[in-house]
Amino acid sequence: MFLFKKVADLQKYLDNKRDTGNVIGFVPTMGALHEGHLSLIRQSKEQSDITVCSIFVNPTQFNDVADLDKYPRTTGADIDLLTSVDTNVLFLPPVEEVYPPGLDTNLTLDFGDLAKVMEGEFRPGHFDGMAQVVWRLLTIIGPDKLFMGQKDFQQLAIVRSMLKQMQSNIELIMCPIVREEDGLAMSSRNVRLTPENRAVAPIIQKTLQEAKLMIGDKTPSEVQDWAMKTLKDLDFKPEYFDIVDGITLQSIKSFKDSDFVVACTAAWGGDVRLIDNLVFKG
């Protein structure tokens, strides 16, 4: 595996690979890697000739400075994991390489209602920062394919809109959620859960599964109310449990209103915020 910290060095390497017809796949991460990230690497390697993984904890997408400070940084272990799955390239830039002084990296895009619901309501400014860094990394790397996980479903919708607005030909590929044996979606935040909260955390996925079984008997609103109460009763603090159209991310009044229905949720277990989702239809 080649490791690059400088943009110029990485681009020189990738330009040589691109000139010989190699398809470049890209997996952006913020480190603290786990099996979910490795599944993205494996899928990229299946569909690309060169797989680039970036590790960059992006300060512009944290609306809470304390959350940024607490974000785990495990570079040595991350390098070992990436090496174990034969990642071709690791891009590990300092902040000044991604946001060099004097370079305007801001985006003026309109995500409309996509960015106002769910995560957008509870994490103001998050998606602007996320889109900014993803586009910056895409500009640096110039991949043919971009691999992102389904767990951040709203993020995928935002990136899809960004690529369309920027008239980009990069192919966005959604990769399935990877879960622990008890059903909890893998996340870098899971290690911060107390033993008590970790034991209860699989209820999030169980609630999603049980909610899906109610499609024929209840309205989306009724299912949402049931799910919120279920999570609260188990001492989790749910921020939302929304049943939405999978493209527009807008709430639906009837399960007949959309051919692509997804339930998305966010809940606090102690001081750790967890997100998950499940495709109900489509």
Protein backbone atom coordinates (compact mmCIF):
# COMPACT_ATOMS: atom_id res chain seq x y z
CA MET A 1 0.00 0.00 0.00
CA PHE A 2 1.25 3.47 -0.92
CA LEU A 3 0.68 6.26 1.61
CA PHE A 4 0.48 9.89 0.51
CA LYS A 5 0.15 13.02 2.62
CA LYS A 6 0.72 15.59 -0.11
CA VAL A 7 -1.86 16.34 -2.81
CA ALA A 8 0.77 16.85 -5.52
CA ASP A 9 2.42 13.49 -4.84
CA LEU A 10 -0.89 11.63 -4.84
CA GLN A 11 -2.06 13.27 -8.06
CA LYS A 12 1.20 12.45 -9.85
CA TYR A 13 0.83 8.78 -8.89
CA LEU A 14 -2.84 8.62 -9.90
CA ASP A 15 -2.26 10.44 -13.18
CA ASN A 16 0.22 7.73 -14.19
CA LYS A 17 -2.29 5.02 -13.30
CA ARG A 18 -5.09 6.82 -15.11
CA ASP A 19 -2.99 7.26 -18.24
CA THR A 20 -2.65 3.48 -18.52
CA GLY A 21 -6.41 2.95 -18.38
CA ASN A 22 -6.88 2.05 -14.73
CA VAL A 23 -10.32 2.56 -13.17
CA ILE A 24 -9.97 4.40 -9.86
CA GLY A 25 -12.30 3.71 -6.95
CA PHE A 26 -12.46 5.95 -3.90
CA VAL A 27 -13.57 5.31 -0.29
CA PRO A 28 -13.60 8.46 1.89
CA THR A 29 -13.39 7.88 5.66
CA MET A 30 -12.64 9.72 8.88
CA GLY A 31 -10.61 6.82 10.24
CA ALA A 32 -11.34 4.68 13.31
CA LEU A 33 -11.91 1.97 10.74
CA HIS A 34 -13.94 -1.21 11.25
CA GLU A 35 -15.36 -4.03 9.16
CA GLY A 36 -17.96 -1.71 7.64
CA HIS A 37 -15.21 0.41 6.10
CA LEU A 38 -13.35 -2.68 4.93
CA SER A 39 -16.47 -3.88 3.12
CA LEU A 40 -16.36 -0.65 1.09
CA ILE A 41 -12.70 -1.29 0.25
CA ARG A 42 -13.50 -4.84 -0.86
CA GLN A 43 -16.35 -3.67 -3.08
CA SER A 44 -14.14 -1.01 -4.62
CA LYS A 45 -11.42 -3.56 -5.32
CA GLU A 46 -13.97 -5.77 -7.08
CA GLN A 47 -15.09 -2.93 -9.35
CA SER A 48 -11.90 -0.87 -9.73
CA ASP A 49 -8.26 -1.33 -10.68
CA ILE A 50 -6.90 1.11 -8.08
CA THR A 51 -8.63 1.68 -4.74
CA VAL A 52 -7.88 4.88 -2.84
CA CYS A 53 -8.95 5.29 0.79
CA SER A 54 -8.72 8.65 2.52
CA ILE A 55 -8.55 9.23 6.26
CA PHE A 56 -9.39 12.80 7.15
CA VAL A 57 -11.32 14.00 10.19
CA ASN A 58 -13.04 16.95 8.59
CA PRO A 59 -13.53 19.88 10.99
CA THR A 60 -16.12 21.64 8.81
CA GLN A 61 -18.83 19.00 9.25
CA PHE A 62 -18.88 18.92 13.05
CA ASN A 63 -21.41 21.38 14.42
CA ASP A 64 -20.31 20.39 17.95
CA VAL A 65 -16.64 21.05 18.72
CA ALA A 66 -16.77 18.57 21.60
CA ASP A 67 -17.89 15.84 19.18
CA LEU A 68 -14.91 16.65 16.94
CA ASP A 69 -12.53 16.48 19.89
CA LYS A 70 -13.92 13.12 21.01
CA TYR A 71 -13.83 11.54 17.56
CA PRO A 72 -11.48 8.52 17.81
CA ARG A 73 -8.17 8.70 15.98
CA THR A 74 -6.48 5.32 15.49
CA THR A 75 -4.15 5.83 12.55
CA GLY A 76 -1.78 2.94 13.27
CA ALA A 77 -4.57 0.40 13.61
CA ASP A 78 -6.29 1.86 10.53
CA ILE A 79 -3.16 1.37 8.42
CA ASP A 80 -2.94 -2.25 9.56
CA LEU A 81 -6.57 -2.87 8.59
CA LEU A 82 -6.19 -1.25 5.18
CA THR A 83 -3.05 -3.28 4.53
CA SER A 84 -4.89 -6.48 5.48
CA VAL A 85 -7.36 -6.02 2.61
CA ASP A 86 -4.71 -4.95 0.08
CA THR A 87 -5.79 -1.33 -0.25
CA ASN A 88 -3.74 0.24 -3.03
CA VAL A 89 -3.47 3.81 -1.77
CA LEU A 90 -4.03 5.62 1.52
CA PHE A 91 -4.40 9.41 1.41
CA LEU A 92 -3.68 10.81 4.87
CA PRO A 93 -3.55 14.59 4.45
CA PRO A 94 -3.13 17.30 7.08
CA VAL A 95 -5.82 19.99 7.17
CA GLU A 96 -3.68 22.48 5.21
CA GLU A 97 -3.48 20.09 2.23
CA VAL A 98 -7.26 19.75 2.02
CA TYR A 99 -7.97 23.39 2.83
CA PRO A 100 -4.84 25.29 1.73
CA PRO A 101 -4.70 28.97 2.69
CA GLY A 102 -6.00 31.18 -0.09
CA LEU A 103 -8.00 28.47 -1.88
CA ASP A 104 -11.77 28.93 -1.81
CA THR A 105 -13.19 25.45 -1.22
CA ASN A 106 -16.74 26.55 -0.39
CA LEU A 107 -19.63 25.16 -2.42
CA THR A 108 -22.71 27.16 -3.33
CA LEU A 109 -25.17 24.34 -3.87
CA ASP A 110 -28.86 24.11 -3.04
CA PHE A 111 -29.83 20.79 -1.45
CA GLY A 112 -33.33 22.03 -0.75
CA ASP A 113 -35.43 19.84 1.52
CA LEU A 114 -32.86 17.03 1.38
CA ALA A 115 -30.74 18.88 3.94
CA LYS A 116 -33.56 20.20 6.13
CA VAL A 117 -35.01 16.97 7.48
CA MET A 118 -33.69 14.32 9.90
CA GLU A 119 -29.95 14.94 10.36
CA GLY A 120 -30.31 18.41 8.88
CA GLU A 121 -32.76 19.41 11.60
CA PHE A 122 -30.55 18.25 14.47
CA ARG A 123 -27.08 18.95 13.03
CA PRO A 124 -27.22 22.37 11.37
CA GLY A 125 -24.39 22.97 8.92
CA HIS A 126 -23.32 19.33 8.91
CA PHE A 127 -24.18 18.61 5.30
CA ASP A 128 -22.60 21.80 3.99
CA GLY A 129 -19.33 20.75 5.61
CA MET A 130 -19.70 17.15 4.44
CA ALA A 131 -20.38 18.17 0.84
CA GLN A 132 -17.48 20.62 0.94
CA VAL A 133 -14.92 17.99 1.96
CA VAL A 134 -16.28 15.23 -0.27
CA TRP A 135 -16.16 17.48 -3.32
CA ARG A 136 -12.69 18.68 -2.36
CA LEU A 137 -11.45 15.09 -2.05
CA LEU A 138 -13.13 14.14 -5.34
CA THR A 139 -11.41 17.09 -7.00
CA ILE A 140 -8.05 15.98 -5.63
CA ILE A 141 -8.41 12.28 -6.46
CA GLY A 142 -10.57 12.33 -9.58
CA PRO A 143 -12.04 8.83 -9.15
CA ASP A 144 -14.29 7.00 -11.56
CA LYS A 145 -16.33 5.46 -8.75
CA LEU A 146 -17.24 6.62 -5.25
CA PHE A 147 -18.15 3.99 -2.65
CA MET A 148 -20.21 5.03 0.40
CA GLY A 149 -22.13 3.10 3.04
CA GLN A 150 -25.90 2.87 3.35
CA LYS A 151 -25.75 3.63 7.09
CA ASP A 152 -25.39 7.33 6.27
CA PHE A 153 -28.44 7.23 4.00
CA GLN A 154 -29.15 10.96 4.02
CA GLN A 155 -25.50 11.67 3.30
CA LEU A 156 -25.77 9.50 0.19
CA ALA A 157 -28.78 11.48 -0.99
CA ILE A 158 -26.88 14.74 -0.48
CA VAL A 159 -23.81 13.46 -2.35
CA ARG A 160 -26.03 12.19 -5.18
CA SER A 161 -27.55 15.67 -5.46
CA MET A 162 -24.11 17.28 -5.32
CA LEU A 163 -22.77 15.13 -8.15
CA LYS A 164 -25.82 15.99 -10.25
CA GLN A 165 -25.55 19.72 -9.57
CA MET A 166 -21.82 19.67 -10.36
CA GLN A 167 -22.52 17.70 -13.55
CA SER A 168 -20.03 15.06 -12.45
CA ASN A 169 -19.64 11.71 -14.19
CA ILE A 170 -18.41 9.98 -11.02
CA GLU A 171 -20.48 6.89 -10.30
CA LEU A 172 -21.87 6.78 -6.75
CA ILE A 173 -22.22 3.26 -5.36
CA MET A 174 -24.18 2.55 -2.17
CA CYS A 175 -22.79 -0.36 -0.15
CA PRO A 176 -24.90 -2.33 2.37
CA ILE A 177 -24.79 -1.72 6.11
CA VAL A 178 -22.45 -4.07 7.96
CA ARG A 179 -23.71 -5.11 11.39
CA GLU A 180 -22.42 -6.66 14.58
CA GLU A 181 -23.68 -10.16 15.38
CA ASP A 182 -26.44 -8.67 17.56
CA GLY A 183 -27.65 -6.35 14.78
CA LEU A 184 -26.09 -3.04 15.82
CA ALA A 185 -24.85 -1.13 12.79
CA MET A 186 -21.06 -0.92 12.85
CA SER A 187 -19.85 2.58 13.70
CA SER A 188 -16.68 4.19 14.97
CA ARG A 189 -18.82 5.62 17.78
CA ASN A 190 -19.80 2.19 19.16
CA VAL A 191 -16.58 1.90 21.17
CA ARG A 192 -17.68 4.93 23.20
CA LEU A 193 -20.86 3.24 24.44
CA THR A 194 -20.92 2.21 28.09
CA PRO A 195 -21.37 -1.55 28.63
CA GLU A 196 -24.95 -0.89 29.72
CA ASN A 197 -25.82 1.17 26.63
CA ARG A 198 -23.97 -1.25 24.34
CA ALA A 199 -26.11 -4.11 25.66
CA VAL A 200 -29.30 -2.23 24.83
CA ALA A 201 -28.17 -0.62 21.54
CA PRO A 202 -29.35 -3.49 19.26
CA ILE A 203 -32.90 -2.39 20.07
CA ILE A 204 -32.48 0.25 17.35
CA GLN A 205 -32.22 -2.35 14.60
CA LYS A 206 -34.88 -4.54 16.26
CA THR A 207 -37.26 -1.57 16.32
CA LEU A 208 -36.64 -0.94 12.62
CA GLN A 209 -37.34 -4.60 11.81
CA GLU A 210 -40.52 -4.71 13.87
CA ALA A 211 -41.70 -1.42 12.36
CA LYS A 212 -41.32 -2.89 8.88
CA LEU A 213 -43.76 -5.66 9.80
CA MET A 214 -46.45 -3.06 10.53
CA ILE A 215 -46.64 -1.76 6.97
CA GLY A 216 -49.93 -3.50 6.18
CA ASP A 217 -51.66 -2.58 9.44
CA LYS A 218 -50.64 0.95 10.37
CA THR A 219 -49.97 4.32 8.73
CA PRO A 220 -46.40 5.68 8.57
CA SER A 221 -47.30 8.20 11.28
CA GLU A 222 -48.57 5.47 13.59
CA VAL A 223 -45.45 3.38 13.01
CA GLN A 224 -43.24 6.37 13.75
CA ASP A 225 -45.07 7.11 17.01
CA TRP A 226 -44.76 3.47 18.10
CA ALA A 227 -41.04 3.39 17.30
CA MET A 228 -40.28 6.63 19.16
CA LYS A 229 -42.11 5.36 22.26
CA THR A 230 -40.35 1.98 22.06
CA LEU A 231 -36.91 3.59 22.01
CA LYS A 232 -37.76 6.01 24.81
CA ASP A 233 -39.07 3.21 27.01
CA LEU A 234 -35.65 1.54 26.83
CA ASP A 235 -33.85 4.67 28.03
CA PHE A 236 -32.62 5.71 24.60
CA LYS A 237 -33.23 9.29 23.55
CA PRO A 238 -34.49 9.19 19.97
CA GLU A 239 -34.20 12.40 17.97
CA TYR A 240 -36.29 11.12 15.10
CA PHE A 241 -37.73 8.01 13.53
CA ASP A 242 -38.83 9.09 10.06
CA ILE A 243 -40.37 7.03 7.30
CA VAL A 244 -39.55 8.74 4.03
CA ASP A 245 -39.34 8.48 0.28
CA GLY A 246 -35.88 7.09 -0.44
CA ILE A 247 -35.07 9.73 -3.07
CA THR A 248 -36.66 12.95 -1.79
CA LEU A 249 -36.31 12.06 1.94
CA GLN A 250 -39.73 13.61 2.53
CA SER A 251 -42.18 11.97 4.91
CA ILE A 252 -44.96 9.91 3.39
CA LYS A 253 -48.57 9.78 4.58
CA SER A 254 -49.26 6.33 3.17
CA PHE A 255 -47.06 3.38 2.31
CA LYS A 256 -48.69 3.54 -1.13
CA ASP A 257 -47.25 7.02 -1.75
CA SER A 258 -43.79 5.77 -2.76
CA ASP A 259 -42.16 2.77 -4.42
CA PHE A 260 -38.99 3.36 -2.40
CA VAL A 261 -39.64 3.67 1.34
CA VAL A 262 -36.89 3.94 3.98
CA ALA A 263 -37.08 4.30 7.75
CA CYS A 264 -34.25 6.39 9.23
CA THR A 265 -33.56 6.97 12.89
CA ALA A 266 -31.10 8.64 15.26
CA ALA A 267 -30.96 8.00 19.00
CA TRP A 268 -28.67 8.83 21.90
CA GLY A 269 -27.33 6.05 24.09
CA GLY A 270 -25.86 8.05 26.94
CA ASP A 271 -23.63 10.65 25.26
CA VAL A 272 -23.18 8.64 22.05
CA ARG A 273 -25.37 9.38 19.04
CA LEU A 274 -26.22 6.41 16.84
CA ILE A 275 -27.92 6.35 13.43
CA ASP A 276 -29.46 3.51 11.45
CA ASN A 277 -31.94 2.87 8.67
CA LEU A 278 -33.83 0.10 6.94
CA VAL A 279 -35.35 -0.08 3.48
CA PHE A 280 -39.04 -0.91 3.93
CA LYS A 281 -39.92 -1.07 0.25
CA GLY A 282 -38.09 -0.85 -3.07
